[in-house]
Amino acid sequence: MTNEAELASVLGHESGHVAARHSVQQISQAQVAQLGLGIGSMLSSGIRQYSDLVGTGLGLLFLKFGRDDETQADQLGYGYALADGYDVREMVSVFEMLEAQSRMSGGGRVPQWQSTHPDPGNRIKATQQRLAASQVDFDAKQVGEDEFLRVIDGMVYGENPRQGFFRGTLFLHPDLKFKFRFPDGWKTQNGSDAVIGVSSAQDAVIELRIAAGTAAEASQRFLAQEGLQAGPVSKRDINGFPALTGDFSAQSDQTTVRGTASFIEFHQLTYQIMAYTPSDKFASYSQVFHQSITSFDRLTDPDALDAQPMRLRLERAPRAMTLEQFDTQHPSSISVDEVALINGMGKADQLRSGQTVKRVSEARHRSSPSE
């Protein structure tokens, strides 16, 4: 995006999903219920306070809104942005950007969002129809380009590896200096308070988070929850770090869940790893769980430890030139096509002398596995 009005239309769209309760409707339908674990009722309320991603983040990994929902969210977002004083003509630019992103994917591939979102061209047409039917003086509305660009100068572009990043299913955290491997083929997500992996069959979960207190305190608190049946706890080292591990089971409305919880002390923090599945599948996943839990180890790869994010940088065109010429003089760590995308223009478009242009500085970390 290139201005506040574009951002307002996107935030308005997402707020529209909330106001129309699209997530609630989807979670109540079979789409999420198809998860073999039974989202929402899988665990007791006591366990859920330690595993809130099960009911939210895990569901969102597989949650997709239908096209009717997306169309309604567009309409609501248009109204919200307009009511907040923004020039909603800029909403068209957002859809043009999405359309350009589709073309960039090439080779017949389409972005993931396009499987459920209306075609950007249709969304442009619908927005233009709303604009044509409006009696609003859009010239008096706010665009906010300069304000927007000032805020994003230096912003992280893409994911910030300092907060943890994946190489395949290997999770690396430079700031906390640990690594952890999820099973091959699992779907993973790095959330704000936990890292989670879900089996390809959607019937098993492994999640890693920081727990309060020592390993002994965290394990006692977790395993003593009402509605949870805990097995014996064993004390062992995992790659040289003190750990406590025990099996547990819990009855839900739909099934009995069985799992393993491990609490590892590392660098004055306690890491809680929970791995669980319906009880009738625990035997088949037991070795997989063990391999992941015991993969927790110190991160020693210098490249990963020094990983730095890409960042947006603002530059001024030294003279009139095309964006492609500018990219040659001020190269980015992304393709010139992507540079054009984030600037809302074509690579052959002319820049004015002194015009502000976004570029992306290079990240420092390899994407290929080294550990």
Protein backbone atom coordinates (compact mmCIF):
# COMPACT_ATOMS: atom_id res chain seq x y z
CA MET A 1 0.00 0.00 0.00
CA THR A 2 1.09 3.56 -0.59
CA ASN A 3 -1.19 5.73 1.56
CA GLU A 4 -3.45 5.82 4.61
CA ALA A 5 -6.66 5.64 2.57
CA GLU A 6 -5.61 2.28 1.09
CA LEU A 7 -4.73 1.02 4.56
CA ALA A 8 -8.06 2.23 5.95
CA SER A 9 -9.94 0.30 3.29
CA VAL A 10 -8.07 -2.91 4.14
CA LEU A 11 -8.58 -2.47 7.89
CA GLY A 12 -12.21 -1.66 7.19
CA HIS A 13 -12.55 -4.88 5.21
CA GLU A 14 -11.11 -6.95 8.07
CA SER A 15 -13.32 -5.11 10.56
CA GLY A 16 -16.24 -5.99 8.30
CA HIS A 17 -15.49 -9.69 8.78
CA VAL A 18 -15.65 -9.12 12.55
CA ALA A 19 -18.83 -7.04 12.48
CA ALA A 20 -20.59 -9.57 10.25
CA ARG A 21 -19.39 -12.41 12.53
CA HIS A 22 -17.94 -14.35 9.61
CA SER A 23 -15.38 -16.13 11.82
CA VAL A 24 -18.07 -17.20 14.27
CA GLN A 25 -20.19 -18.56 11.45
CA GLN A 26 -17.28 -20.45 9.90
CA ILE A 27 -16.10 -21.94 13.19
CA SER A 28 -19.62 -23.17 13.87
CA GLN A 29 -19.73 -24.97 10.54
CA ALA A 30 -18.23 -28.28 9.49
CA GLN A 31 -15.19 -26.65 7.87
CA VAL A 32 -13.40 -26.28 11.19
CA ALA A 33 -15.18 -29.19 12.84
CA GLN A 34 -13.51 -31.45 10.26
CA LEU A 35 -10.32 -31.11 12.26
CA GLY A 36 -9.87 -34.48 13.88
CA LEU A 37 -9.33 -32.85 17.25
CA GLY A 38 -12.71 -31.14 17.53
CA ILE A 39 -11.78 -27.46 17.81
CA GLY A 40 -13.16 -25.60 20.79
CA SER A 41 -14.41 -28.56 22.79
CA MET A 42 -11.29 -30.68 22.56
CA LEU A 43 -9.81 -29.62 25.86
CA SER A 44 -11.09 -28.73 29.28
CA SER A 45 -11.38 -25.05 30.10
CA GLY A 46 -8.34 -25.42 32.33
CA ILE A 47 -6.16 -26.73 29.53
CA ARG A 48 -7.48 -24.15 27.08
CA GLN A 49 -6.04 -21.34 29.15
CA TYR A 50 -2.63 -22.84 28.40
CA SER A 51 -3.51 -23.66 24.81
CA ASP A 52 -5.69 -20.85 23.53
CA LEU A 53 -4.25 -21.19 20.05
CA VAL A 54 -6.09 -24.48 19.73
CA GLY A 55 -9.40 -22.68 19.65
CA THR A 56 -8.24 -19.65 17.70
CA GLY A 57 -4.93 -19.83 15.87
CA LEU A 58 -5.32 -23.47 14.93
CA GLY A 59 -8.76 -22.81 13.56
CA LEU A 60 -7.48 -19.82 11.60
CA LEU A 61 -4.80 -21.99 10.00
CA PHE A 62 -7.60 -23.69 8.09
CA LEU A 63 -10.32 -21.06 8.20
CA LYS A 64 -11.33 -19.52 4.87
CA PHE A 65 -14.14 -17.09 4.27
CA GLY A 66 -16.45 -17.65 1.31
CA ARG A 67 -16.73 -15.22 -1.58
CA ASP A 68 -20.05 -13.89 -0.32
CA ASP A 69 -18.37 -13.06 3.00
CA GLU A 70 -15.52 -11.30 1.18
CA THR A 71 -17.96 -9.27 -0.90
CA GLN A 72 -19.86 -8.21 2.21
CA ALA A 73 -16.59 -7.29 3.95
CA ASP A 74 -15.64 -5.14 0.94
CA GLN A 75 -18.92 -3.27 1.19
CA LEU A 76 -18.61 -2.76 4.94
CA GLY A 77 -14.94 -1.75 4.65
CA TYR A 78 -15.85 0.85 2.03
CA GLY A 79 -18.41 2.34 4.42
CA TYR A 80 -16.10 2.29 7.42
CA ALA A 81 -13.22 3.99 5.59
CA LEU A 82 -15.54 6.60 4.12
CA ALA A 83 -17.13 7.33 7.51
CA ASP A 84 -13.65 7.81 8.95
CA GLY A 85 -12.94 10.54 6.40
CA TYR A 86 -10.82 8.67 3.84
CA ASP A 87 -10.94 8.91 0.07
CA VAL A 88 -12.34 5.48 -0.78
CA ARG A 89 -11.40 5.88 -4.42
CA GLU A 90 -8.05 4.53 -3.20
CA MET A 91 -9.75 1.19 -2.52
CA VAL A 92 -9.49 0.55 -6.26
CA SER A 93 -5.71 0.75 -6.00
CA VAL A 94 -5.69 -2.08 -3.43
CA PHE A 95 -7.55 -4.37 -5.82
CA GLU A 96 -5.28 -3.33 -8.68
CA MET A 97 -2.33 -4.33 -6.50
CA LEU A 98 -3.92 -7.72 -5.82
CA GLU A 99 -4.53 -8.14 -9.54
CA ALA A 100 -0.88 -7.36 -10.24
CA GLN A 101 0.13 -9.87 -7.57
CA SER A 102 -1.92 -12.50 -9.37
CA ARG A 103 -0.10 -11.79 -12.62
CA MET A 104 3.26 -11.97 -10.84
CA SER A 105 2.50 -15.47 -9.59
CA GLY A 106 2.69 -16.69 -13.21
CA GLY A 107 2.59 -20.17 -14.65
CA GLY A 108 -1.09 -20.67 -13.93
CA ARG A 109 -0.55 -20.44 -10.18
CA VAL A 110 -2.76 -18.13 -8.17
CA PRO A 111 -2.22 -16.66 -4.71
CA GLN A 112 -3.85 -18.57 -1.88
CA TRP A 113 -6.34 -15.78 -1.20
CA GLN A 114 -7.72 -15.97 -4.73
CA SER A 115 -9.27 -19.39 -4.18
CA THR A 116 -11.87 -17.82 -1.88
CA HIS A 117 -11.80 -14.08 -2.70
CA PRO A 118 -13.75 -12.55 -5.59
CA ASP A 119 -11.73 -11.72 -8.68
CA PRO A 120 -9.95 -8.37 -8.19
CA GLY A 121 -11.42 -7.10 -11.44
CA ASN A 122 -14.92 -7.76 -10.15
CA ARG A 123 -14.06 -6.05 -6.88
CA ILE A 124 -12.80 -3.01 -8.80
CA LYS A 125 -16.06 -2.90 -10.76
CA ALA A 126 -18.15 -3.19 -7.58
CA THR A 127 -16.17 -0.40 -5.92
CA GLN A 128 -16.53 1.84 -8.97
CA GLN A 129 -20.28 1.26 -8.89
CA ARG A 130 -20.39 2.34 -5.24
CA LEU A 131 -18.33 5.42 -6.09
CA ALA A 132 -20.60 6.32 -9.00
CA ALA A 133 -23.70 6.02 -6.81
CA SER A 134 -22.24 8.23 -4.08
CA GLN A 135 -22.92 11.94 -3.68
CA VAL A 136 -19.76 12.44 -1.59
CA ASP A 137 -17.12 15.04 -2.49
CA PHE A 138 -14.15 12.66 -2.50
CA ASP A 139 -11.67 15.49 -3.18
CA ALA A 140 -12.36 16.69 0.37
CA LYS A 141 -11.48 13.30 1.83
CA GLN A 142 -8.08 12.27 3.18
CA VAL A 143 -5.49 10.24 1.26
CA GLY A 144 -2.53 10.57 3.64
CA GLU A 145 0.35 9.54 1.40
CA ASP A 146 3.14 11.57 3.02
CA GLU A 147 2.01 10.60 6.53
CA PHE A 148 1.87 6.93 5.56
CA LEU A 149 5.31 6.89 3.95
CA ARG A 150 6.94 8.61 6.93
CA VAL A 151 5.60 5.92 9.25
CA ILE A 152 6.69 2.94 7.15
CA ASP A 153 10.24 4.15 6.45
CA GLY A 154 12.49 1.54 8.04
CA MET A 155 9.63 -0.88 8.74
CA VAL A 156 10.32 -4.61 8.59
CA TYR A 157 9.35 -6.01 5.18
CA GLY A 158 7.97 -9.53 5.42
CA GLU A 159 8.54 -11.64 8.51
CA ASN A 160 11.04 -10.53 11.15
CA PRO A 161 13.48 -13.41 11.70
CA ARG A 162 14.48 -11.96 15.08
CA GLN A 163 11.08 -13.19 16.30
CA GLY A 164 11.75 -16.67 14.96
CA PHE A 165 11.59 -18.12 11.46
CA PHE A 166 11.22 -21.44 9.71
CA ARG A 167 13.55 -23.35 7.46
CA GLY A 168 11.13 -25.99 6.29
CA THR A 169 9.78 -27.40 9.55
CA LEU A 170 12.85 -26.36 11.54
CA PHE A 171 12.02 -23.35 13.74
CA LEU A 172 14.93 -21.06 14.63
CA HIS A 173 14.79 -18.23 17.16
CA PRO A 174 17.86 -15.96 17.03
CA ASP A 175 16.97 -13.78 20.02
CA LEU A 176 16.11 -16.69 22.31
CA LYS A 177 18.89 -18.83 20.79
CA PHE A 178 17.02 -22.11 20.40
CA LYS A 179 15.87 -24.36 17.57
CA PHE A 180 13.00 -26.83 17.39
CA ARG A 181 11.91 -29.19 14.62
CA PHE A 182 8.30 -30.00 13.79
CA PRO A 183 7.51 -33.21 11.90
CA ASP A 184 7.99 -33.13 8.13
CA GLY A 185 4.87 -32.24 6.18
CA TRP A 186 3.14 -30.50 9.08
CA LYS A 187 1.57 -27.07 8.71
CA THR A 188 3.27 -24.57 11.01
CA GLN A 189 2.63 -21.08 12.31
CA ASN A 190 4.73 -18.71 14.39
CA GLY A 191 2.24 -16.88 16.59
CA SER A 192 2.71 -14.02 19.01
CA ASP A 193 2.85 -16.27 22.08
CA ALA A 194 3.37 -19.78 20.72
CA VAL A 195 4.69 -21.73 17.76
CA ILE A 196 2.28 -24.39 16.57
CA GLY A 197 2.34 -27.29 14.16
CA VAL A 198 -0.61 -29.30 12.85
CA SER A 199 -0.38 -32.69 11.18
CA SER A 200 -1.27 -33.03 7.51
CA ALA A 201 -4.29 -35.09 8.55
CA GLN A 202 -5.28 -32.30 10.96
CA ASP A 203 -5.55 -34.76 13.83
CA ALA A 204 -2.47 -33.92 15.92
CA VAL A 205 -0.94 -30.73 17.33
CA ILE A 206 2.44 -29.75 18.73
CA GLU A 207 2.83 -26.34 20.31
CA LEU A 208 5.78 -24.63 21.94
CA ARG A 209 5.46 -21.66 24.26
CA ILE A 210 7.18 -20.04 27.25
CA ALA A 211 5.73 -21.06 30.63
CA ALA A 212 5.89 -19.16 33.90
CA GLY A 213 8.21 -20.35 36.65
CA THR A 214 10.58 -23.28 36.76
CA ALA A 215 10.00 -26.55 34.94
CA ALA A 216 8.76 -28.07 38.21
CA GLU A 217 6.33 -25.20 38.86
CA ALA A 218 5.05 -25.15 35.27
CA SER A 219 4.56 -28.92 35.11
CA GLN A 220 2.75 -29.03 38.47
CA ARG A 221 0.46 -26.20 37.42
CA PHE A 222 -0.34 -27.78 34.08
CA LEU A 223 -0.77 -31.40 35.18
CA ALA A 224 -2.86 -30.48 38.24
CA GLN A 225 -5.67 -28.97 36.18
CA GLU A 226 -9.21 -30.08 36.80
CA GLY A 227 -10.42 -32.55 34.20
CA LEU A 228 -6.93 -33.67 33.27
CA GLN A 229 -5.59 -37.12 34.10
CA ALA A 230 -1.82 -37.01 34.47
CA GLY A 231 0.59 -39.90 34.28
CA PRO A 232 3.91 -40.11 36.09
CA VAL A 233 6.40 -37.31 35.44
CA SER A 234 9.96 -38.23 34.54
CA LYS A 235 13.01 -36.07 35.02
CA ARG A 236 15.56 -36.09 32.23
CA ASP A 237 17.89 -33.93 30.22
CA ILE A 238 17.03 -32.90 26.69
CA ASN A 239 20.25 -32.08 24.86
CA GLY A 240 21.83 -31.16 28.18
CA PHE A 241 18.97 -29.02 29.49
CA PRO A 242 16.92 -30.10 32.56
CA ALA A 243 13.41 -31.17 31.65
CA LEU A 244 10.30 -32.76 33.10
CA THR A 245 8.02 -34.83 30.87
CA GLY A 246 4.69 -36.55 31.47
CA ASP A 247 1.74 -37.93 29.57
CA PHE A 248 -1.80 -36.65 30.08
CA SER A 249 -5.32 -37.26 28.87
CA ALA A 250 -8.51 -35.21 28.97
CA GLN A 251 -12.10 -35.96 28.07
CA SER A 252 -13.90 -33.54 25.77
CA ASP A 253 -17.42 -33.45 24.42
CA GLN A 254 -16.28 -35.22 21.28
CA THR A 255 -13.37 -37.44 22.18
CA THR A 256 -10.62 -38.26 24.65
CA VAL A 257 -7.41 -36.40 23.97
CA ARG A 258 -4.09 -37.91 24.91
CA GLY A 259 -0.73 -36.21 24.79
CA THR A 260 2.71 -35.55 26.16
CA ALA A 261 3.82 -32.36 27.90
CA SER A 262 7.46 -31.47 28.40
CA PHE A 263 8.94 -28.55 30.34
CA ILE A 264 12.51 -27.57 29.48
CA GLU A 265 14.67 -25.04 31.29
CA PHE A 266 16.92 -23.08 28.96
CA HIS A 267 18.58 -19.67 29.44
CA GLN A 268 16.56 -18.87 32.58
CA LEU A 269 13.27 -19.56 30.81
CA THR A 270 10.97 -22.58 30.86
CA TYR A 271 9.67 -23.85 27.53
CA GLN A 272 6.44 -25.83 27.52
CA ILE A 273 5.93 -28.28 24.66
CA MET A 274 2.52 -29.91 24.31
CA ALA A 275 1.90 -32.67 21.78
CA TYR A 276 -1.54 -34.24 21.60
CA THR A 277 -4.02 -36.15 19.48
CA PRO A 278 -7.20 -38.21 19.99
CA SER A 279 -6.37 -41.11 22.29
CA ASP A 280 -6.93 -43.77 19.63
CA LYS A 281 -4.18 -42.19 17.53
CA PHE A 282 -1.67 -41.54 20.29
CA ALA A 283 0.29 -44.75 19.67
CA SER A 284 0.83 -43.86 16.02
CA TYR A 285 2.01 -40.35 16.91
CA SER A 286 4.00 -41.17 20.05
CA GLN A 287 7.36 -41.53 18.30
CA VAL A 288 6.72 -38.43 16.19
CA PHE A 289 5.97 -36.44 19.34
CA HIS A 290 9.13 -37.76 21.03
CA GLN A 291 11.32 -36.79 18.08
CA SER A 292 10.00 -33.24 18.03
CA ILE A 293 10.20 -32.73 21.79
CA THR A 294 13.78 -33.98 21.94
CA SER A 295 14.78 -31.79 18.99
CA PHE A 296 14.74 -28.71 21.26
CA ASP A 297 18.33 -27.53 21.36
CA ARG A 298 20.65 -24.57 21.47
CA LEU A 299 20.90 -22.56 18.24
CA THR A 300 24.55 -22.35 17.17
CA ASP A 301 24.37 -21.55 13.45
CA PRO A 302 26.08 -18.12 13.15
CA ASP A 303 24.05 -17.19 10.09
CA ALA A 304 20.76 -17.89 11.87
CA LEU A 305 21.88 -16.10 15.02
CA ASP A 306 22.71 -13.01 12.96
CA ALA A 307 19.53 -13.13 10.88
CA GLN A 308 18.20 -9.68 10.10
CA PRO A 309 14.94 -8.71 8.40
CA MET A 310 14.44 -6.94 5.13
CA ARG A 311 13.36 -3.34 5.65
CA LEU A 312 11.50 -0.77 3.63
CA ARG A 313 13.59 2.26 2.74
CA LEU A 314 12.48 5.50 1.14
CA GLU A 315 14.65 7.07 -1.53
CA ARG A 316 14.12 10.07 -3.76
CA ALA A 317 14.57 9.76 -7.49
CA PRO A 318 17.65 11.84 -8.37
CA ARG A 319 16.12 12.82 -11.71
CA ALA A 320 13.28 11.90 -14.02
CA MET A 321 13.65 8.20 -14.86
CA THR A 322 11.71 4.99 -15.08
CA LEU A 323 11.22 2.87 -11.98
CA GLU A 324 13.32 0.15 -13.63
CA GLN A 325 16.20 2.62 -14.08
CA PHE A 326 15.82 3.68 -10.46
CA ASP A 327 16.02 0.04 -9.36
CA THR A 328 19.26 -0.37 -11.31
CA GLN A 329 20.81 2.57 -9.44
CA HIS A 330 19.24 1.70 -6.07
CA PRO A 331 18.77 -2.08 -6.18
CA SER A 332 16.44 -3.86 -3.78
CA SER A 333 16.62 -7.37 -2.39
CA ILE A 334 13.31 -8.10 -4.13
CA SER A 335 12.59 -8.26 -7.85
CA VAL A 336 11.93 -5.09 -9.82
CA ASP A 337 8.41 -6.41 -10.44
CA GLU A 338 7.82 -6.52 -6.69
CA VAL A 339 9.35 -3.06 -6.32
CA ALA A 340 6.79 -1.87 -8.85
CA LEU A 341 4.04 -3.66 -6.93
CA ILE A 342 4.81 -1.99 -3.60
CA ASN A 343 5.05 1.40 -5.29
CA GLY A 344 1.69 1.02 -7.02
CA MET A 345 3.10 1.52 -10.50
CA GLY A 346 4.60 -0.25 -13.48
CA LYS A 347 8.35 -0.74 -13.78
CA ALA A 348 8.35 1.28 -17.03
CA ASP A 349 6.43 4.16 -15.44
CA GLN A 350 8.20 7.50 -15.21
CA LEU A 351 9.30 8.94 -11.86
CA ARG A 352 9.52 12.65 -11.26
CA SER A 353 12.76 14.16 -10.07
CA GLY A 354 12.64 14.05 -6.26
CA GLN A 355 9.70 11.60 -6.14
CA THR A 356 9.72 9.30 -3.11
CA VAL A 357 10.19 5.63 -3.97
CA LYS A 358 10.05 2.52 -1.79
CA ARG A 359 12.87 0.04 -1.98
CA VAL A 360 13.72 -2.97 0.19
CA SER A 361 17.06 -3.48 1.88
CA GLU A 362 18.67 -6.89 1.99
CA ALA A 363 17.96 -9.41 4.74
CA ARG A 364 20.82 -11.34 6.31
CA HIS A 365 19.93 -15.00 6.66
CA ARG A 366 19.92 -18.01 4.38
CA SER A 367 16.70 -19.84 3.68
CA SER A 368 18.31 -23.24 3.15
CA PRO A 369 18.73 -25.67 6.07
CA SER A 370 22.17 -25.72 7.69
CA GLU A 371 21.42 -27.58 10.92
